[in-house]
Amino acid sequence: MTRSSSRFLSRLGTVALFCFLAIGLAVAQTPSPALLVLEKADNMLAIVDPATLKIVGRVPAGPDPHEIEASGDGKLAYISNYGGSDSDLHTISVVDLAAQKALSPIDLGSLRSPHGLAFAGGKLYFTAETSKVVGRYDPAAHAIDWLMGTGQDRTHMVIFSRNSILFSLPT
């Protein structure tokens, strides 16, 4: 093999590798907006392009993923790991949507069966059904900064009205 043909093959290989990587990155890019779908049976989050309805990525969603909420800036997804009433599950999974990668989950300590989620004012509100509470997680401080007992046997969902008054809805 001559020196020029060797150089040509080397450049061709580099170009082919670059094209392969560029195509791979383009396929894996998270669209904005994106449709976030929990595949509960597989414990996965599917990221779907709403224009084409094609799945552009899948990310582990933790045990028994149940509800999902995106952060206000759309960079993160929060997924409640429910387990049903009287479950021992106590985490909320976190996914970096741009990188399509699971981050460290939020450990709720003794608060069990997280279910309903709502993001407002830069904070994540959640219900913990078995513990009969509504809580608030501050992503900037990486801490739960507020809890309210409900006395309800099924503290299930949380929503906000236009003036950000908190409602807890039993099922």
N, C-alpha and C. Protein backbone atom coordinates (compact mmCIF):
# COMPACT_ATOMS: atom_id res chain seq x y z
N MET A 1 0.85 -1.16 0.00
CA MET A 1 0.00 0.00 0.00
C MET A 1 0.90 1.23 0.00
N THR A 2 0.59 2.17 -0.88
CA THR A 2 1.40 3.37 -0.96
C THR A 2 1.04 4.31 0.17
N ARG A 3 1.93 5.26 0.38
CA ARG A 3 1.74 6.23 1.45
C ARG A 3 0.49 7.08 1.21
N SER A 4 0.24 7.48 -0.04
CA SER A 4 -0.92 8.32 -0.34
C SER A 4 -2.23 7.53 -0.18
N SER A 5 -2.24 6.25 -0.57
CA SER A 5 -3.47 5.46 -0.39
C SER A 5 -3.72 5.19 1.09
N SER A 6 -2.66 5.02 1.87
CA SER A 6 -2.80 4.83 3.31
C SER A 6 -3.39 6.09 3.95
N ARG A 7 -2.88 7.26 3.55
CA ARG A 7 -3.38 8.54 4.06
C ARG A 7 -4.85 8.71 3.68
N PHE A 8 -5.18 8.36 2.42
CA PHE A 8 -6.57 8.48 1.95
C PHE A 8 -7.50 7.60 2.78
N LEU A 9 -7.10 6.33 3.03
CA LEU A 9 -7.94 5.43 3.83
C LEU A 9 -8.09 5.93 5.26
N SER A 10 -7.02 6.49 5.80
CA SER A 10 -7.07 7.03 7.15
C SER A 10 -8.06 8.19 7.22
N ARG A 11 -7.99 9.10 6.23
CA ARG A 11 -8.92 10.23 6.19
C ARG A 11 -10.35 9.76 5.97
N LEU A 12 -10.53 8.78 5.10
CA LEU A 12 -11.85 8.24 4.83
C LEU A 12 -12.45 7.62 6.10
N GLY A 13 -11.63 6.91 6.84
CA GLY A 13 -12.09 6.32 8.10
C GLY A 13 -12.47 7.39 9.10
N THR A 14 -11.69 8.46 9.18
CA THR A 14 -12.00 9.56 10.09
C THR A 14 -13.31 10.24 9.69
N VAL A 15 -13.50 10.49 8.41
CA VAL A 15 -14.74 11.10 7.93
C VAL A 15 -15.92 10.18 8.21
N ALA A 16 -15.78 8.89 7.96
CA ALA A 16 -16.86 7.94 8.21
C ALA A 16 -17.22 7.90 9.69
N LEU A 17 -16.21 7.90 10.57
CA LEU A 17 -16.44 7.90 12.01
C LEU A 17 -17.16 9.18 12.42
N PHE A 18 -16.73 10.33 11.91
CA PHE A 18 -17.36 11.60 12.22
C PHE A 18 -18.83 11.60 11.78
N CYS A 19 -19.11 11.12 10.58
CA CYS A 19 -20.49 11.06 10.07
C CYS A 19 -21.34 10.14 10.94
N PHE A 20 -20.80 8.99 11.32
CA PHE A 20 -21.52 8.05 12.18
C PHE A 20 -21.85 8.68 13.52
N LEU A 21 -20.88 9.36 14.13
CA LEU A 21 -21.12 10.03 15.41
C LEU A 21 -22.13 11.16 15.26
N ALA A 22 -22.03 11.95 14.21
CA ALA A 22 -22.95 13.06 14.00
C ALA A 22 -24.38 12.55 13.81
N ILE A 23 -24.54 11.47 13.05
CA ILE A 23 -25.87 10.89 12.86
C ILE A 23 -26.40 10.34 14.18
N GLY A 24 -25.56 9.66 14.93
CA GLY A 24 -25.96 9.12 16.23
C GLY A 24 -26.38 10.21 17.19
N LEU A 25 -25.65 11.33 17.20
CA LEU A 25 -26.03 12.43 18.08
C LEU A 25 -27.32 13.07 17.64
N ALA A 26 -27.52 13.20 16.35
CA ALA A 26 -28.75 13.81 15.85
C ALA A 26 -29.96 12.96 16.19
N VAL A 27 -29.83 11.65 16.10
CA VAL A 27 -30.94 10.76 16.41
C VAL A 27 -31.27 10.82 17.90
N ALA A 28 -30.26 10.94 18.74
CA ALA A 28 -30.46 10.88 20.18
C ALA A 28 -30.87 12.21 20.80
N GLN A 29 -30.88 13.30 20.05
CA GLN A 29 -31.16 14.61 20.62
C GLN A 29 -32.61 14.70 21.09
N THR A 30 -32.80 15.25 22.29
CA THR A 30 -34.13 15.43 22.83
C THR A 30 -34.79 16.63 22.18
N PRO A 31 -35.99 16.44 21.60
CA PRO A 31 -36.69 17.56 20.97
C PRO A 31 -37.26 18.50 22.03
N SER A 32 -37.56 19.72 21.62
CA SER A 32 -38.21 20.67 22.51
C SER A 32 -39.38 21.29 21.77
N PRO A 33 -40.60 21.04 22.18
CA PRO A 33 -40.97 20.24 23.34
C PRO A 33 -40.83 18.75 23.06
N ALA A 34 -40.85 17.98 24.14
CA ALA A 34 -40.78 16.52 24.03
C ALA A 34 -41.97 15.93 24.77
N LEU A 35 -42.40 14.79 24.33
CA LEU A 35 -43.45 14.04 25.00
C LEU A 35 -42.76 13.02 25.90
N LEU A 36 -43.07 13.04 27.19
CA LEU A 36 -42.45 12.13 28.15
C LEU A 36 -43.45 11.04 28.51
N VAL A 37 -43.08 9.79 28.23
CA VAL A 37 -43.99 8.67 28.41
C VAL A 37 -43.34 7.65 29.35
N LEU A 38 -44.06 7.28 30.41
CA LEU A 38 -43.55 6.24 31.31
C LEU A 38 -43.96 4.88 30.78
N GLU A 39 -42.98 4.02 30.62
CA GLU A 39 -43.21 2.62 30.26
C GLU A 39 -43.14 1.83 31.57
N LYS A 40 -44.27 1.78 32.25
CA LYS A 40 -44.31 1.26 33.61
C LYS A 40 -43.84 -0.19 33.71
N ALA A 41 -44.23 -1.03 32.77
CA ALA A 41 -43.86 -2.45 32.83
C ALA A 41 -42.34 -2.64 32.70
N ASP A 42 -41.68 -1.72 32.00
CA ASP A 42 -40.23 -1.82 31.80
C ASP A 42 -39.42 -0.91 32.71
N ASN A 43 -40.09 -0.13 33.56
CA ASN A 43 -39.42 0.84 34.45
C ASN A 43 -38.54 1.80 33.66
N MET A 44 -39.09 2.30 32.54
CA MET A 44 -38.34 3.19 31.66
C MET A 44 -39.14 4.45 31.35
N LEU A 45 -38.41 5.51 31.02
CA LEU A 45 -38.98 6.74 30.48
C LEU A 45 -38.67 6.76 28.99
N ALA A 46 -39.69 6.91 28.17
CA ALA A 46 -39.50 7.07 26.74
C ALA A 46 -39.63 8.55 26.41
N ILE A 47 -38.65 9.08 25.68
CA ILE A 47 -38.68 10.46 25.23
C ILE A 47 -39.11 10.43 23.77
N VAL A 48 -40.24 11.08 23.48
CA VAL A 48 -40.87 10.97 22.17
C VAL A 48 -40.88 12.34 21.49
N ASP A 49 -40.55 12.36 20.21
CA ASP A 49 -40.68 13.57 19.40
C ASP A 49 -42.15 13.71 19.04
N PRO A 50 -42.84 14.77 19.54
CA PRO A 50 -44.28 14.88 19.28
C PRO A 50 -44.61 15.14 17.81
N ALA A 51 -43.68 15.64 17.04
CA ALA A 51 -43.94 15.90 15.62
C ALA A 51 -43.97 14.61 14.82
N THR A 52 -43.12 13.65 15.18
CA THR A 52 -43.03 12.39 14.42
C THR A 52 -43.59 11.19 15.18
N LEU A 53 -43.80 11.37 16.48
CA LEU A 53 -44.22 10.29 17.39
C LEU A 53 -43.20 9.15 17.45
N LYS A 54 -41.95 9.46 17.16
CA LYS A 54 -40.87 8.47 17.24
C LYS A 54 -40.16 8.61 18.59
N ILE A 55 -39.81 7.48 19.16
CA ILE A 55 -39.05 7.48 20.41
C ILE A 55 -37.61 7.84 20.08
N VAL A 56 -37.10 8.90 20.70
CA VAL A 56 -35.73 9.34 20.45
C VAL A 56 -34.77 8.91 21.56
N GLY A 57 -35.32 8.40 22.66
CA GLY A 57 -34.46 7.93 23.73
C GLY A 57 -35.26 7.23 24.81
N ARG A 58 -34.57 6.36 25.55
CA ARG A 58 -35.16 5.68 26.69
C ARG A 58 -34.17 5.79 27.84
N VAL A 59 -34.72 6.03 29.04
CA VAL A 59 -33.88 6.22 30.23
C VAL A 59 -34.51 5.43 31.38
N PRO A 60 -33.70 4.77 32.21
CA PRO A 60 -34.26 4.09 33.39
C PRO A 60 -35.03 5.08 34.27
N ALA A 61 -36.20 4.65 34.76
CA ALA A 61 -37.08 5.53 35.52
C ALA A 61 -37.21 5.12 36.99
N GLY A 62 -36.42 4.16 37.43
CA GLY A 62 -36.51 3.71 38.81
C GLY A 62 -37.62 2.69 39.00
N PRO A 63 -37.73 2.16 40.22
CA PRO A 63 -38.74 1.13 40.48
C PRO A 63 -40.15 1.71 40.46
N ASP A 64 -41.07 1.00 39.88
CA ASP A 64 -42.49 1.36 39.79
C ASP A 64 -42.74 2.83 39.48
N PRO A 65 -42.27 3.29 38.31
CA PRO A 65 -42.51 4.69 37.94
C PRO A 65 -44.01 4.93 37.77
N HIS A 66 -44.49 6.05 38.30
CA HIS A 66 -45.94 6.23 38.30
C HIS A 66 -46.40 7.56 37.73
N GLU A 67 -45.84 8.66 38.15
CA GLU A 67 -46.19 9.98 37.64
C GLU A 67 -44.90 10.67 37.22
N ILE A 68 -45.04 11.64 36.29
CA ILE A 68 -43.86 12.35 35.80
C ILE A 68 -44.17 13.83 35.72
N GLU A 69 -43.17 14.65 36.01
CA GLU A 69 -43.30 16.11 35.95
C GLU A 69 -41.97 16.69 35.49
N ALA A 70 -42.02 17.61 34.55
CA ALA A 70 -40.80 18.29 34.07
C ALA A 70 -40.55 19.53 34.91
N SER A 71 -39.29 19.88 35.07
CA SER A 71 -38.94 21.13 35.75
C SER A 71 -39.42 22.31 34.90
N GLY A 72 -39.49 23.47 35.52
CA GLY A 72 -39.97 24.66 34.82
C GLY A 72 -39.18 25.00 33.57
N ASP A 73 -37.88 24.72 33.58
CA ASP A 73 -37.04 25.01 32.41
C ASP A 73 -36.98 23.84 31.43
N GLY A 74 -37.63 22.73 31.76
CA GLY A 74 -37.67 21.58 30.86
C GLY A 74 -36.39 20.77 30.80
N LYS A 75 -35.44 21.04 31.68
CA LYS A 75 -34.16 20.33 31.64
C LYS A 75 -34.20 18.98 32.36
N LEU A 76 -35.04 18.89 33.39
CA LEU A 76 -35.10 17.68 34.20
C LEU A 76 -36.51 17.11 34.22
N ALA A 77 -36.60 15.81 34.40
CA ALA A 77 -37.89 15.15 34.63
C ALA A 77 -37.81 14.47 35.99
N TYR A 78 -38.89 14.58 36.73
CA TYR A 78 -39.01 13.95 38.04
C TYR A 78 -40.07 12.85 37.94
N ILE A 79 -39.76 11.67 38.47
CA ILE A 79 -40.65 10.51 38.34
C ILE A 79 -40.87 9.91 39.73
N SER A 80 -42.15 9.83 40.13
CA SER A 80 -42.45 9.23 41.43
C SER A 80 -42.31 7.71 41.33
N ASN A 81 -41.64 7.13 42.31
CA ASN A 81 -41.47 5.68 42.41
C ASN A 81 -42.44 5.21 43.49
N TYR A 82 -43.63 4.84 43.07
CA TYR A 82 -44.80 4.68 43.93
C TYR A 82 -44.84 3.38 44.73
N GLY A 83 -45.03 2.27 44.08
CA GLY A 83 -45.08 0.98 44.77
C GLY A 83 -46.43 0.63 45.38
N GLY A 84 -47.41 1.51 45.27
CA GLY A 84 -48.74 1.24 45.84
C GLY A 84 -48.82 1.66 47.29
N SER A 85 -50.05 1.63 47.81
CA SER A 85 -50.21 2.02 49.21
C SER A 85 -49.51 1.02 50.10
N ASP A 86 -48.96 1.54 51.17
CA ASP A 86 -48.18 0.77 52.14
C ASP A 86 -46.88 0.23 51.56
N SER A 87 -46.39 0.86 50.51
CA SER A 87 -45.11 0.49 49.91
C SER A 87 -43.95 1.01 50.75
N ASP A 88 -42.81 0.38 50.59
CA ASP A 88 -41.59 0.86 51.23
C ASP A 88 -40.78 1.77 50.31
N LEU A 89 -41.25 1.99 49.07
CA LEU A 89 -40.51 2.85 48.15
C LEU A 89 -40.52 4.29 48.67
N HIS A 90 -39.38 4.96 48.52
CA HIS A 90 -39.24 6.31 49.09
C HIS A 90 -38.31 7.17 48.24
N THR A 91 -38.42 7.04 46.92
CA THR A 91 -37.57 7.84 46.04
C THR A 91 -38.37 8.49 44.93
N ILE A 92 -37.82 9.57 44.43
CA ILE A 92 -38.28 10.22 43.21
C ILE A 92 -37.09 10.20 42.26
N SER A 93 -37.26 9.54 41.13
CA SER A 93 -36.17 9.47 40.14
C SER A 93 -36.02 10.81 39.43
N VAL A 94 -34.80 11.11 39.01
CA VAL A 94 -34.51 12.36 38.31
C VAL A 94 -33.80 12.01 37.00
N VAL A 95 -34.24 12.64 35.90
CA VAL A 95 -33.66 12.37 34.59
C VAL A 95 -33.22 13.69 33.96
N ASP A 96 -31.98 13.74 33.49
CA ASP A 96 -31.49 14.85 32.69
C ASP A 96 -32.01 14.62 31.27
N LEU A 97 -32.94 15.46 30.82
CA LEU A 97 -33.59 15.22 29.52
C LEU A 97 -32.66 15.49 28.34
N ALA A 98 -31.78 16.49 28.44
CA ALA A 98 -30.87 16.79 27.34
C ALA A 98 -29.86 15.66 27.15
N ALA A 99 -29.30 15.18 28.25
CA ALA A 99 -28.31 14.09 28.18
C ALA A 99 -28.97 12.72 28.10
N GLN A 100 -30.29 12.67 28.34
CA GLN A 100 -31.04 11.42 28.36
C GLN A 100 -30.36 10.42 29.30
N LYS A 101 -30.21 10.87 30.55
CA LYS A 101 -29.46 10.09 31.52
C LYS A 101 -30.12 10.20 32.89
N ALA A 102 -30.20 9.07 33.59
CA ALA A 102 -30.72 9.06 34.95
C ALA A 102 -29.69 9.68 35.88
N LEU A 103 -30.15 10.55 36.77
CA LEU A 103 -29.30 11.15 37.80
C LEU A 103 -29.60 10.46 39.13
N SER A 104 -28.91 10.87 40.16
CA SER A 104 -29.18 10.29 41.49
C SER A 104 -30.62 10.60 41.89
N PRO A 105 -31.33 9.60 42.42
CA PRO A 105 -32.72 9.85 42.83
C PRO A 105 -32.78 10.69 44.10
N ILE A 106 -33.93 11.30 44.31
CA ILE A 106 -34.20 12.03 45.54
C ILE A 106 -34.68 11.01 46.57
N ASP A 107 -33.97 10.90 47.68
CA ASP A 107 -34.34 9.98 48.76
C ASP A 107 -35.25 10.73 49.73
N LEU A 108 -36.48 10.26 49.88
CA LEU A 108 -37.45 10.93 50.74
C LEU A 108 -37.38 10.44 52.18
N GLY A 109 -36.38 9.63 52.51
CA GLY A 109 -36.22 9.16 53.88
C GLY A 109 -37.40 8.31 54.31
N SER A 110 -38.07 8.72 55.37
CA SER A 110 -39.18 7.93 55.92
C SER A 110 -40.50 8.18 55.19
N LEU A 111 -40.54 9.07 54.21
CA LEU A 111 -41.77 9.34 53.47
C LEU A 111 -41.95 8.26 52.41
N ARG A 112 -43.06 7.55 52.46
CA ARG A 112 -43.28 6.38 51.62
C ARG A 112 -44.35 6.61 50.56
N SER A 113 -44.23 5.89 49.46
CA SER A 113 -45.19 5.85 48.35
C SER A 113 -45.39 7.22 47.70
N PRO A 114 -44.31 7.86 47.20
CA PRO A 114 -44.52 9.12 46.49
C PRO A 114 -45.39 8.89 45.27
N HIS A 115 -46.29 9.82 45.01
CA HIS A 115 -47.20 9.65 43.88
C HIS A 115 -47.34 10.93 43.08
N GLY A 116 -48.25 11.82 43.48
CA GLY A 116 -48.51 13.03 42.71
C GLY A 116 -47.33 13.98 42.71
N LEU A 117 -47.10 14.64 41.57
CA LEU A 117 -46.00 15.59 41.42
C LEU A 117 -46.50 16.86 40.73
N ALA A 118 -45.96 18.00 41.15
CA ALA A 118 -46.24 19.27 40.47
C ALA A 118 -45.03 20.17 40.67
N PHE A 119 -44.63 20.87 39.64
CA PHE A 119 -43.48 21.78 39.72
C PHE A 119 -44.01 23.21 39.67
N ALA A 120 -43.69 24.00 40.67
CA ALA A 120 -44.14 25.39 40.72
C ALA A 120 -43.15 26.22 41.52
N GLY A 121 -42.92 27.44 41.07
CA GLY A 121 -42.02 28.33 41.79
C GLY A 121 -40.62 27.78 41.97
N GLY A 122 -40.17 26.98 41.01
CA GLY A 122 -38.82 26.42 41.08
C GLY A 122 -38.68 25.26 42.05
N LYS A 123 -39.81 24.76 42.57
CA LYS A 123 -39.75 23.65 43.54
C LYS A 123 -40.68 22.53 43.11
N LEU A 124 -40.35 21.32 43.55
CA LEU A 124 -41.13 20.14 43.23
C LEU A 124 -42.02 19.79 44.42
N TYR A 125 -43.33 19.82 44.21
CA TYR A 125 -44.29 19.39 45.22
C TYR A 125 -44.63 17.93 44.94
N PHE A 126 -44.85 17.16 46.01
CA PHE A 126 -45.13 15.74 45.86
C PHE A 126 -46.05 15.26 46.98
N THR A 127 -46.75 14.18 46.70
CA THR A 127 -47.50 13.53 47.76
C THR A 127 -46.75 12.26 48.16
N ALA A 128 -46.89 11.88 49.41
CA ALA A 128 -46.36 10.60 49.91
C ALA A 128 -47.56 9.89 50.53
N GLU A 129 -48.16 9.02 49.74
CA GLU A 129 -49.46 8.44 50.08
C GLU A 129 -49.47 7.69 51.40
N THR A 130 -48.54 6.76 51.59
CA THR A 130 -48.52 5.97 52.81
C THR A 130 -48.26 6.85 54.03
N SER A 131 -47.48 7.91 53.86
CA SER A 131 -47.14 8.81 54.97
C SER A 131 -48.19 9.90 55.18
N LYS A 132 -49.19 10.01 54.29
CA LYS A 132 -50.28 10.98 54.41
C LYS A 132 -49.78 12.41 54.49
N VAL A 133 -48.85 12.77 53.58
CA VAL A 133 -48.30 14.14 53.56
C VAL A 133 -48.20 14.66 52.13
N VAL A 134 -48.13 15.98 52.05
CA VAL A 134 -47.71 16.68 50.84
C VAL A 134 -46.40 17.33 51.22
N GLY A 135 -45.41 17.26 50.34
CA GLY A 135 -44.10 17.83 50.63
C GLY A 135 -43.61 18.69 49.49
N ARG A 136 -42.55 19.42 49.77
CA ARG A 136 -41.92 20.26 48.74
C ARG A 136 -40.42 20.03 48.78
N TYR A 137 -39.86 19.79 47.59
CA TYR A 137 -38.42 19.56 47.44
C TYR A 137 -37.82 20.75 46.72
N ASP A 138 -36.73 21.28 47.27
CA ASP A 138 -36.01 22.40 46.66
C ASP A 138 -34.80 21.84 45.91
N PRO A 139 -34.85 21.83 44.56
CA PRO A 139 -33.73 21.27 43.79
C PRO A 139 -32.42 22.04 44.00
N ALA A 140 -32.50 23.34 44.24
CA ALA A 140 -31.27 24.13 44.45
C ALA A 140 -30.57 23.74 45.74
N ALA A 141 -31.35 23.48 46.78
CA ALA A 141 -30.79 23.12 48.09
C ALA A 141 -30.64 21.61 48.25
N HIS A 142 -31.19 20.83 47.32
CA HIS A 142 -31.19 19.36 47.41
C HIS A 142 -31.79 18.90 48.73
N ALA A 143 -32.94 19.51 49.09
CA ALA A 143 -33.54 19.18 50.38
C ALA A 143 -35.06 19.38 50.34
N ILE A 144 -35.74 18.59 51.17
CA ILE A 144 -37.17 18.80 51.40
C ILE A 144 -37.26 19.99 52.35
N ASP A 145 -38.00 21.02 51.95
CA ASP A 145 -38.05 22.23 52.78
C ASP A 145 -39.44 22.52 53.36
N TRP A 146 -40.40 21.63 53.10
CA TRP A 146 -41.74 21.85 53.64
C TRP A 146 -42.53 20.55 53.60
N LEU A 147 -43.29 20.28 54.67
CA LEU A 147 -44.18 19.13 54.74
C LEU A 147 -45.49 19.56 55.38
N MET A 148 -46.59 18.97 54.91
CA MET A 148 -47.89 19.22 55.52
C MET A 148 -48.64 17.89 55.60
N GLY A 149 -49.02 17.51 56.80
CA GLY A 149 -49.83 16.31 56.98
C GLY A 149 -51.24 16.57 56.47
N THR A 150 -51.84 15.53 55.89
CA THR A 150 -53.20 15.69 55.36
C THR A 150 -54.23 14.92 56.15
N GLY A 151 -53.82 13.88 56.84
CA GLY A 151 -54.76 13.03 57.54
C GLY A 151 -55.58 12.16 56.60
N GLN A 152 -55.34 12.26 55.32
CA GLN A 152 -56.08 11.48 54.33
C GLN A 152 -55.43 10.12 54.15
N ASP A 153 -56.25 9.09 54.05
CA ASP A 153 -55.70 7.77 53.83
C ASP A 153 -55.04 7.64 52.46
N ARG A 154 -55.48 8.41 51.49
CA ARG A 154 -54.87 8.35 50.15
C ARG A 154 -54.54 9.76 49.69
N THR A 155 -53.44 10.28 50.16
CA THR A 155 -52.95 11.56 49.67
C THR A 155 -52.29 11.27 48.33
N HIS A 156 -53.05 11.49 47.25
CA HIS A 156 -52.70 10.89 45.98
C HIS A 156 -52.13 11.87 44.96
N MET A 157 -52.80 12.97 44.70
CA MET A 157 -52.39 13.90 43.64
C MET A 157 -52.22 15.31 44.22
N VAL A 158 -51.47 16.12 43.49
CA VAL A 158 -51.28 17.52 43.87
C VAL A 158 -51.34 18.36 42.59
N ILE A 159 -52.05 19.50 42.66
CA ILE A 159 -52.16 20.40 41.52
C ILE A 159 -52.07 21.83 42.01
N PHE A 160 -51.91 22.75 41.08
CA PHE A 160 -51.88 24.17 41.42
C PHE A 160 -52.92 24.91 40.62
N SER A 161 -53.51 25.91 41.27
CA SER A 161 -54.39 26.81 40.54
C SER A 161 -53.56 27.97 40.01
N ARG A 162 -54.19 28.90 39.35
CA ARG A 162 -53.45 30.04 38.80
C ARG A 162 -52.75 30.87 39.86
N ASN A 163 -53.32 30.93 41.05
CA ASN A 163 -52.66 31.71 42.11
C ASN A 163 -51.80 30.84 43.02
N SER A 164 -51.46 29.66 42.55
CA SER A 164 -50.53 28.74 43.21
C SER A 164 -51.00 28.25 44.58
N ILE A 165 -52.30 28.12 44.78
CA ILE A 165 -52.78 27.50 46.00
C ILE A 165 -52.69 26.00 45.82
N LEU A 166 -52.18 25.34 46.83
CA LEU A 166 -51.94 23.89 46.78
C LEU A 166 -53.22 23.13 47.09
N PHE A 167 -53.50 22.10 46.29
CA PHE A 167 -54.63 21.22 46.55
C PHE A 167 -54.12 19.79 46.59
N SER A 168 -54.56 19.05 47.55
CA SER A 168 -54.27 17.63 47.62
C SER A 168 -55.58 16.89 47.35
N LEU A 169 -55.58 15.96 46.42
CA LEU A 169 -56.81 15.29 46.02
C LEU A 169 -56.77 13.83 46.39
N PRO A 170 -57.69 13.37 47.25
CA PRO A 170 -57.77 11.93 47.49
C PRO A 170 -58.45 11.27 46.31
N THR A 171 -58.19 9.98 46.10
CA THR A 171 -58.86 9.27 45.01
C THR A 171 -60.13 8.64 45.51
